[in-house]
């Protein structure tokens, strides 16, 4: 974990490739704030546009590779699913390239959150006991 002291020391090195610091953080000029002491979680960037895209890709790819569904069947589920009040965040269709080449899902943050929220309802009937071990 970075401390105020290590931040200042790394800033003086002026070596972003080594330290990850390109320059001083303007927020550090505030009286009650320092980047090293006031860290916050950004759900949209950390999860919706971050780890969930990779996690859900791996879940979908596993089920696809196991023959639980075809790309066409998955798209049919996506298109026919009732999203309720989240209709504007409904998912886009996926292609075979999305599942075989991309290594992550190409979705917006709101689409990813929608997928995480509803995926179990969409494909839960396709999960078998041996999938629970994985």
C-alpha atoms as a PDB file:
ATOM      1  CA  UNK A   1       0.000   0.000   0.000  1.00  0.00           C
ATOM      2  CA  UNK A   2       1.198   3.457  -0.871  1.00  0.00           C
ATOM      3  CA  UNK A   3       1.746   5.910   1.989  1.00  0.00           C
ATOM      4  CA  UNK A   4       2.046   9.696   1.856  1.00  0.00           C
ATOM      5  CA  UNK A   5       5.804   9.310   2.305  1.00  0.00           C
ATOM      6  CA  UNK A   6       6.217   6.674  -0.405  1.00  0.00           C
ATOM      7  CA  UNK A   7       4.009   8.740  -2.745  1.00  0.00           C
ATOM      8  CA  UNK A   8       6.184  11.825  -2.258  1.00  0.00           C
ATOM      9  CA  UNK A   9       9.366   9.754  -2.659  1.00  0.00           C
ATOM     10  CA  UNK A  10       8.072   8.146  -5.867  1.00  0.00           C
ATOM     11  CA  UNK A  11       6.950  11.531  -7.192  1.00  0.00           C
ATOM     12  CA  UNK A  12      10.520  12.838  -6.809  1.00  0.00           C
ATOM     13  CA  UNK A  13      11.869   9.902  -8.842  1.00  0.00           C
ATOM     14  CA  UNK A  14      10.043  11.194 -11.948  1.00  0.00           C
ATOM     15  CA  UNK A  15       9.892   7.683 -13.357  1.00  0.00           C
ATOM     16  CA  UNK A  16       6.239   6.765 -14.147  1.00  0.00           C
ATOM     17  CA  UNK A  17       7.186   3.384 -15.606  1.00  0.00           C
ATOM     18  CA  UNK A  18       8.744   2.400 -12.290  1.00  0.00           C
ATOM     19  CA  UNK A  19       6.429   4.178  -9.840  1.00  0.00           C
ATOM     20  CA  UNK A  20       3.134   4.494 -11.705  1.00  0.00           C
ATOM     21  CA  UNK A  21       3.013   8.222 -10.882  1.00  0.00           C
ATOM     22  CA  UNK A  22       3.055  10.625 -13.810  1.00  0.00           C
ATOM     23  CA  UNK A  23       2.762  13.787 -11.754  1.00  0.00           C
ATOM     24  CA  UNK A  24       1.321  15.270  -8.583  1.00  0.00           C
ATOM     25  CA  UNK A  25      -2.370  14.728  -7.898  1.00  0.00           C
ATOM     26  CA  UNK A  26      -4.224  18.036  -7.868  1.00  0.00           C
ATOM     27  CA  UNK A  27      -6.572  16.758  -5.151  1.00  0.00           C
ATOM     28  CA  UNK A  28      -3.633  16.636  -2.730  1.00  0.00           C
ATOM     29  CA  UNK A  29      -3.882  20.443  -2.573  1.00  0.00           C
ATOM     30  CA  UNK A  30      -7.122  20.104  -0.589  1.00  0.00           C
ATOM     31  CA  UNK A  31      -6.684  20.502   3.182  1.00  0.00           C
ATOM     32  CA  UNK A  32      -8.340  17.249   4.188  1.00  0.00           C
ATOM     33  CA  UNK A  33      -7.344  14.996   1.321  1.00  0.00           C
ATOM     34  CA  UNK A  34      -4.342  13.014   0.186  1.00  0.00           C
ATOM     35  CA  UNK A  35      -4.460  10.398  -2.528  1.00  0.00           C
ATOM     36  CA  UNK A  36      -2.552   7.842  -0.445  1.00  0.00           C
ATOM     37  CA  UNK A  37      -4.914   8.179   2.522  1.00  0.00           C
ATOM     38  CA  UNK A  38      -8.308   8.720   0.892  1.00  0.00           C
ATOM     39  CA  UNK A  39      -8.967   5.849  -1.461  1.00  0.00           C
ATOM     40  CA  UNK A  40     -12.423   5.048  -2.768  1.00  0.00           C
ATOM     41  CA  UNK A  41     -14.028   2.255  -4.697  1.00  0.00           C
ATOM     42  CA  UNK A  42     -15.419   3.200  -8.089  1.00  0.00           C
ATOM     43  CA  UNK A  43     -17.960   0.488  -8.786  1.00  0.00           C
ATOM     44  CA  UNK A  44     -18.485   1.411 -12.423  1.00  0.00           C
ATOM     45  CA  UNK A  45     -14.800   1.265 -13.378  1.00  0.00           C
ATOM     46  CA  UNK A  46     -13.687  -1.441 -10.921  1.00  0.00           C
ATOM     47  CA  UNK A  47     -16.503  -3.919 -11.489  1.00  0.00           C
ATOM     48  CA  UNK A  48     -18.904  -2.961 -14.300  1.00  0.00           C
ATOM     49  CA  UNK A  49     -16.153  -2.014 -16.766  1.00  0.00           C
ATOM     50  CA  UNK A  50     -13.475  -4.050 -15.009  1.00  0.00           C
ATOM     51  CA  UNK A  51     -13.475  -7.504 -13.477  1.00  0.00           C
ATOM     52  CA  UNK A  52     -17.073  -8.445 -14.318  1.00  0.00           C
ATOM     53  CA  UNK A  53     -16.396  -8.303 -18.069  1.00  0.00           C
ATOM     54  CA  UNK A  54     -13.665 -10.922 -17.666  1.00  0.00           C
ATOM     55  CA  UNK A  55     -15.565 -13.006 -15.109  1.00  0.00           C
ATOM     56  CA  UNK A  56     -18.744 -13.167 -17.161  1.00  0.00           C
ATOM     57  CA  UNK A  57     -16.764 -13.864 -20.326  1.00  0.00           C
ATOM     58  CA  UNK A  58     -15.227 -16.912 -18.633  1.00  0.00           C
ATOM     59  CA  UNK A  59     -18.590 -18.134 -17.337  1.00  0.00           C
ATOM     60  CA  UNK A  60     -20.249 -17.730 -20.740  1.00  0.00           C
ATOM     61  CA  UNK A  61     -17.264 -19.267 -22.554  1.00  0.00           C
ATOM     62  CA  UNK A  62     -17.263 -22.258 -20.194  1.00  0.00           C
ATOM     63  CA  UNK A  63     -20.985 -22.902 -20.756  1.00  0.00           C
ATOM     64  CA  UNK A  64     -20.576 -22.399 -24.500  1.00  0.00           C
ATOM     65  CA  UNK A  65     -17.595 -24.802 -24.640  1.00  0.00           C
ATOM     66  CA  UNK A  66     -19.588 -27.367 -22.627  1.00  0.00           C
ATOM     67  CA  UNK A  67     -22.315 -27.227 -25.273  1.00  0.00           C
ATOM     68  CA  UNK A  68     -24.944 -25.751 -22.942  1.00  0.00           C
ATOM     69  CA  UNK A  69     -25.968 -23.277 -25.639  1.00  0.00           C
ATOM     70  CA  UNK A  70     -25.077 -22.013 -29.099  1.00  0.00           C
ATOM     71  CA  UNK A  71     -24.448 -18.365 -29.894  1.00  0.00           C
ATOM     72  CA  UNK A  72     -27.842 -18.226 -31.621  1.00  0.00           C
ATOM     73  CA  UNK A  73     -29.618 -19.688 -28.574  1.00  0.00           C
ATOM     74  CA  UNK A  74     -27.840 -17.280 -26.215  1.00  0.00           C
ATOM     75  CA  UNK A  75     -28.857 -14.345 -28.433  1.00  0.00           C
ATOM     76  CA  UNK A  76     -32.430 -15.599 -28.470  1.00  0.00           C
ATOM     77  CA  UNK A  77     -32.429 -15.687 -24.663  1.00  0.00           C
ATOM     78  CA  UNK A  78     -30.924 -12.184 -24.527  1.00  0.00           C
ATOM     79  CA  UNK A  79     -33.492 -10.781 -26.968  1.00  0.00           C
ATOM     80  CA  UNK A  80     -36.556 -12.423 -25.418  1.00  0.00           C
ATOM     81  CA  UNK A  81     -35.661 -11.877 -21.755  1.00  0.00           C
ATOM     82  CA  UNK A  82     -37.927  -9.486 -19.842  1.00  0.00           C
ATOM     83  CA  UNK A  83     -35.664  -6.790 -18.393  1.00  0.00           C
ATOM     84  CA  UNK A  84     -38.415  -4.899 -16.600  1.00  0.00           C
ATOM     85  CA  UNK A  85     -37.543  -1.277 -15.889  1.00  0.00           C
ATOM     86  CA  UNK A  86     -33.986  -1.854 -17.157  1.00  0.00           C
ATOM     87  CA  UNK A  87     -35.141  -2.249 -20.744  1.00  0.00           C
ATOM     88  CA  UNK A  88     -32.839   0.536 -21.920  1.00  0.00           C
ATOM     89  CA  UNK A  89     -29.846  -1.438 -20.605  1.00  0.00           C
ATOM     90  CA  UNK A  90     -30.806  -4.619 -22.397  1.00  0.00           C
ATOM     91  CA  UNK A  91     -27.922  -6.585 -23.776  1.00  0.00           C
ATOM     92  CA  UNK A  92     -26.675  -6.541 -27.333  1.00  0.00           C
ATOM     93  CA  UNK A  93     -26.425  -9.745 -29.319  1.00  0.00           C
ATOM     94  CA  UNK A  94     -23.131 -11.610 -29.153  1.00  0.00           C
ATOM     95  CA  UNK A  95     -21.168 -13.111 -32.006  1.00  0.00           C
ATOM     96  CA  UNK A  96     -19.055 -16.237 -32.118  1.00  0.00           C
ATOM     97  CA  UNK A  97     -15.981 -13.965 -32.277  1.00  0.00           C
ATOM     98  CA  UNK A  98     -17.112 -12.331 -29.013  1.00  0.00           C
ATOM     99  CA  UNK A  99     -17.008 -15.745 -27.349  1.00  0.00           C
ATOM    100  CA  UNK A 100     -13.930 -17.174 -29.033  1.00  0.00           C
ATOM    101  CA  UNK A 101     -11.520 -14.317 -29.714  1.00  0.00           C
ATOM    102  CA  UNK A 102     -12.249 -11.301 -27.528  1.00  0.00           C
ATOM    103  CA  UNK A 103     -11.219 -12.686 -24.076  1.00  0.00           C
ATOM    104  CA  UNK A 104     -13.625 -10.213 -22.481  1.00  0.00           C
ATOM    105  CA  UNK A 105     -17.137  -9.009 -23.158  1.00  0.00           C
ATOM    106  CA  UNK A 106     -17.604  -5.882 -25.246  1.00  0.00           C
ATOM    107  CA  UNK A 107     -20.380  -4.300 -23.231  1.00  0.00           C
ATOM    108  CA  UNK A 108     -20.998  -0.918 -21.644  1.00  0.00           C
ATOM    109  CA  UNK A 109     -20.933  -0.618 -17.871  1.00  0.00           C
ATOM    110  CA  UNK A 110     -24.740  -0.658 -17.681  1.00  0.00           C
ATOM    111  CA  UNK A 111     -24.982  -3.676 -20.003  1.00  0.00           C
ATOM    112  CA  UNK A 112     -22.409  -5.558 -17.924  1.00  0.00           C
ATOM    113  CA  UNK A 113     -24.268  -4.812 -14.687  1.00  0.00           C
ATOM    114  CA  UNK A 114     -27.507  -5.967 -16.345  1.00  0.00           C
ATOM    115  CA  UNK A 115     -25.833  -9.201 -17.472  1.00  0.00           C
ATOM    116  CA  UNK A 116     -24.465  -9.928 -13.997  1.00  0.00           C
ATOM    117  CA  UNK A 117     -27.862  -9.219 -12.443  1.00  0.00           C
ATOM    118  CA  UNK A 118     -29.915 -11.390 -14.811  1.00  0.00           C
ATOM    119  CA  UNK A 119     -27.593 -14.048 -16.213  1.00  0.00           C
ATOM    120  CA  UNK A 120     -28.589 -16.655 -13.630  1.00  0.00           C
ATOM    121  CA  UNK A 121     -32.240 -16.188 -14.545  1.00  0.00           C
ATOM    122  CA  UNK A 122     -31.421 -16.339 -18.248  1.00  0.00           C
ATOM    123  CA  UNK A 123     -29.434 -19.573 -18.267  1.00  0.00           C
ATOM    124  CA  UNK A 124     -29.952 -21.138 -14.845  1.00  0.00           C
ATOM    125  CA  UNK A 125     -32.004 -23.928 -16.406  1.00  0.00           C
ATOM    126  CA  UNK A 126     -28.909 -24.932 -18.436  1.00  0.00           C
ATOM    127  CA  UNK A 127     -26.604 -25.402 -15.430  1.00  0.00           C
ATOM    128  CA  UNK A 128     -25.881 -28.990 -14.452  1.00  0.00           C
ATOM    129  CA  UNK A 129     -24.588 -30.426 -11.190  1.00  0.00           C
ATOM    130  CA  UNK A 130     -21.049 -30.885 -12.522  1.00  0.00           C
ATOM    131  CA  UNK A 131     -20.897 -27.156 -13.361  1.00  0.00           C
ATOM    132  CA  UNK A 132     -21.157 -26.333  -9.658  1.00  0.00           C
ATOM    133  CA  UNK A 133     -17.727 -27.905  -9.101  1.00  0.00           C
ATOM    134  CA  UNK A 134     -15.996 -25.516 -11.508  1.00  0.00           C
END
